[in-house]
Amino acid sequence: MNTPFRYSLITGLCLGALVAPAWAAQPAVTALLNTQSIALGESALLFVTVNGSSADQPLVPQVDGLDIEPIGQQTSTQMINGSVISNESQIFRVIPNRAGDFTIPSIGGSTQPVTLHVDKGTGGQVQRTLPPGRSRLPAPRFSSPADSEPVDPKNQPAFLRVTLPKQELTVGELVPVKVKAYFRAGVSASLNGLPILSSDAFTLNKLDDKPEQTRESINGLSYTVVTWTSALSAVKAGDYPLNLDLPVMVRVREQGKRGGGHDPFKDAFGEDSPFGDAFFDDFFGHATEKPLTLHTDGAVVKIKSLPTNGRPPDFAGAVGQFEVKSEASTTNSTTGDPLTLKLSITGRGNFDRVSTNGLTRSSEWKTYKPNGRFEPADISGTAGTKTFEQSIAPTNAGQQEIPALRFSYFDPDTQSYVTKATLPIAIDVARGSVTQAPATNNPAPAVDSPKTSADGLAADKLVTGHSVRNLRPLALAWWFITFNALMVYVLIVGAIVRFQRRRRLNDPERLQRDAAEKSIKLSLAMMEAALKTQDAPRFFIAARHALQERLAARWQVPVSQVTISEIRSRLNGNGEQIRSVFQTADEIAYSGRRFTAPDLQQWRNVVKSQLQGLARS
């Protein structure tokens, strides 16, 4: 080997060593499907991996008959011979619209085409076309309990809490309460009812069927929180734990079964695969529905009884702190003319036991029974004003006085009875005018005196009346009999019609159908309002409720029992679009995905067509 050639060879090897890392660092794109064959109604996952740094993300071409939607990404870095290489993987869900063979062409001009075979499936599932712009949310995921210290003692991805302002109550005392259901971020759940007390020592005011939804961070974990605000009342004395139960249906993604431990991603990418075991299990597992009852581990609440010593005679069970005042509609009146006496009781407590007899009847006042109304000042209904209005009428003229009114209650803070009274009200009463019959000066017409005979007796006088043709009774006349028979017939027919109408109006099935139709119309109106504002969560909640009402009326079951599992079993797999509405309503709260107006319009058409189909079937 001569010297020039040797120098050239050495120079070439050096240049190759310098260029090799740069060449290796050039971005390369690979595409891989998790399966080559699926049935219609199922979906596949497409993984597009970019090896090396790249400013532009590869675009996946559209394929006729397939919906390819991005659902996530994963990034990893590797150190090779001192060079840092970044790998970024985009994950797409591939949803077929019909059976057949499909080919996804080269992505970014550097991947090999990938093929997917779709058959009709063993269940004979019909083909369906998704609305334009339809996107499916990624499967719900939640962190393993080992990721951090569990907040819930039962180590559940969901738990229930109840908060009270204090742990000592008095019988009859009403306090605000908050019931919170926590669901770890990524957990998809639906409520199967409302929280229920498990002890008869308490009563809970009616809970709203549309609770507030917020997000909270606990120990570094994000939770979706469903909150009910209500009021709790103590019923009997003693020490009792405050516990509630909440039935829910949780959809979780179970880890996939990979026989023999074979991992295709490790075969393709080696031990440094960006798709670890947890990532693989999350996307290749299957979502299952699990019924779950959440329980509170409530602390023991001490309930005290109402003392008997010092109880006022007019005490009716009001417990709390109150102020009273009274006023009259006018301070000038007339005897016999009624005026309105208004008594206002303001404060915080159990207003359902706040009552009064008002002003009692006396020789100075004629009184009527008062009526009351309550205006709450907070969402729990423990604070507000209860107003009683009573009609009273003065009976005597002159300076009169509406006496003071008393109201007694028990203060749980001071553990004592309190009696408060209003101030007297002065009323100036004028005498009412008395209407007399007008007198007349016209004398009564004189009556002709009968002429008398010499013996003083009135002379006989012949008076003739009207004559009749015969002596047949009126009850036997044909027209009288016909008229009365017609009236009896009309009364009988009217009674039958009225009975049938009342029976039809009181038919339980008809009443249930009418209530369901009213609820469906209200849900459709809410859908239209949400569509105008593009409020997707509110839109899908209203859509799901409309379908629940129609299915509940059809199956003769409560609305809370209309779940995805019930739809699947009762409709024999034919309710795919209905299940899609339910799943989207449950999952949209956790995905943060936005829907455009055309998307929501397509969903509105789907919901209306399903409602019409269920009504006809």
Foldseek 3Di string as FASTA:
>chain_A
DDDVVVVVVVVVVVVCVVCVVVVQQPKAKEKDKPDQEDEAVDKIKIKIKIKHDDPDDWDFDDWPQKDKAWADKFKDWDADPNDIIIMIITMIIIHGQDFAKTWGPDIPPHYHIGIHGYHNDPLNDDGDDDDPPDDDHAQFAADQLVPDPDPDPVSDQKAKEKDWPDQEAEAQWKGKMKIKIKHFFRKFKDFLDDKDWPDPQKDWPDWDPQFDWDWDADPNTIIIMGMTIAMMGGHDFDKDFTKIKTKMKIKYFFFDDDPPPDDVQCVVPNPSRSQDRVNNRSRRTHIDIDIDMHMYRGDIGGYHYQDPPPDDPPAQRWEADKDKEKDWPDQEEAAPDKTKIKMKIFGFTNCVRFDDQAQDDDLFKDWDGKDKDWDAPDPHRRGGMIMIMIIMGTHDAAKDKRCKDKGKYAYPVVSHIDIDIYHIRIHHYHYDDDDDDDDDPDDDDDDDDADADPVGHGDDDDDDDDDDDDDDDPCPDPVNVVVVVVVVVVVVVVVVVVVVVVCVVPPVLVVLVVVLVVLLVVLLVQLVVCLVVQVVLSNLVSLLQNVLSLVCSVVVHDSSPPDLVVCCVPVVNPPPLSSSSVSCNRCCVNRVDGDHSSSSVSNSVSSVVVSVVSVVD
